[in-house]
Amino acid sequence: MGAPDLPGADERWRCGGCGNLTRFDVARSRRTVEFWHVDLSGAVSVEDTEVREERVESVTCRWCGRDDAIETVPRAEAG
């Protein structure tokens, strides 16, 4: 089983093993293009970042350590 996708705006992750909804260790890879501003002293600040590709490599529950029980579920509405 592969890693789950990043949750959308109306989704969240849930650990099916322990019920955790809030704490996950997420390893991901990103390919970006950045605009760097280098001042005269050599200090760098990134002024703009364009994410060209993003991939979740693994998601592990921080509470129980399982990486095989992470599921994407609907996000509950506040109220």
Protein backbone atom coordinates (compact mmCIF):
# COMPACT_ATOMS: atom_id res chain seq x y z
CA MET A 1 0.00 0.00 0.00
CA GLY A 2 1.39 3.41 -0.96
CA ALA A 3 1.35 6.58 1.07
CA PRO A 4 -1.93 8.51 1.10
CA ASP A 5 -2.28 11.71 -0.90
CA LEU A 6 -2.24 15.06 0.86
CA PRO A 7 -5.73 15.74 2.21
CA GLY A 8 -7.87 18.23 0.31
CA ALA A 9 -9.62 21.24 1.85
CA ASP A 10 -12.54 19.09 3.04
CA GLU A 11 -10.51 16.04 4.12
CA ARG A 12 -8.13 14.99 6.88
CA TRP A 13 -6.04 11.98 7.83
CA ARG A 14 -7.13 9.50 10.48
CA CYS A 15 -5.22 6.55 11.91
CA GLY A 16 -7.48 3.53 11.68
CA GLY A 17 -5.36 1.81 14.32
CA CYS A 18 -5.76 4.23 17.24
CA GLY A 19 -8.13 6.96 16.01
CA ASN A 20 -5.53 9.76 15.96
CA LEU A 21 -6.64 12.79 13.93
CA THR A 22 -3.95 15.33 14.82
CA ARG A 23 -0.36 14.01 14.95
CA PHE A 24 1.45 12.47 11.98
CA ASP A 25 5.05 12.22 10.80
CA VAL A 26 4.99 13.08 7.09
CA ALA A 27 7.93 12.55 4.74
CA ARG A 28 7.49 14.29 1.40
CA SER A 29 9.50 15.35 -1.61
CA ARG A 30 9.04 18.68 -3.33
CA ARG A 31 10.40 20.00 -6.61
CA THR A 32 10.38 23.79 -6.61
CA VAL A 33 11.57 26.84 -8.47
CA GLU A 34 12.50 29.72 -6.17
CA PHE A 35 13.36 33.37 -6.68
CA TRP A 36 16.28 34.17 -4.40
CA HIS A 37 17.29 37.69 -3.40
CA VAL A 38 20.93 37.82 -2.34
CA ASP A 39 21.88 41.08 -0.64
CA LEU A 40 25.32 42.66 -0.91
CA SER A 41 26.52 40.90 2.25
CA GLY A 42 25.60 37.51 0.75
CA ALA A 43 22.51 36.85 2.89
CA VAL A 44 19.79 35.00 0.98
CA SER A 45 16.05 35.46 1.28
CA VAL A 46 13.57 33.46 -0.79
CA GLU A 47 10.99 35.89 -2.19
CA ASP A 48 8.86 33.51 -4.25
CA THR A 49 8.43 29.74 -4.47
CA GLU A 50 6.65 27.79 -7.19
CA VAL A 51 5.91 24.16 -6.29
CA ARG A 52 6.19 22.10 -9.47
CA GLU A 53 5.72 18.68 -7.90
CA GLU A 54 4.96 17.40 -4.43
CA ARG A 55 4.82 13.77 -3.38
CA VAL A 56 4.06 12.21 -0.02
CA GLU A 57 6.56 9.42 0.62
CA SER A 58 5.18 8.19 3.93
CA VAL A 59 2.73 9.06 6.69
CA THR A 60 3.15 7.52 10.14
CA CYS A 61 0.89 7.95 13.15
CA ARG A 62 2.80 9.77 15.89
CA TRP A 63 0.74 8.06 18.60
CA CYS A 64 0.93 4.36 17.67
CA GLY A 65 3.65 4.32 14.99
CA ARG A 66 1.55 2.63 12.30
CA ASP A 67 2.03 3.57 8.67
CA ASP A 68 -0.36 0.96 7.29
CA ALA A 69 -3.57 2.31 8.85
CA ILE A 70 -3.61 5.94 7.67
CA GLU A 71 -6.84 6.80 5.88
CA THR A 72 -8.32 9.94 4.36
CA VAL A 73 -11.69 10.89 5.86
CA PRO A 74 -14.07 13.86 5.49
CA ARG A 75 -13.24 16.84 7.70
CA ALA A 76 -15.98 17.61 10.23
CA GLU A 77 -17.57 21.03 9.93
CA ALA A 78 -17.10 23.43 12.83
CA GLY A 79 -20.18 24.46 14.68
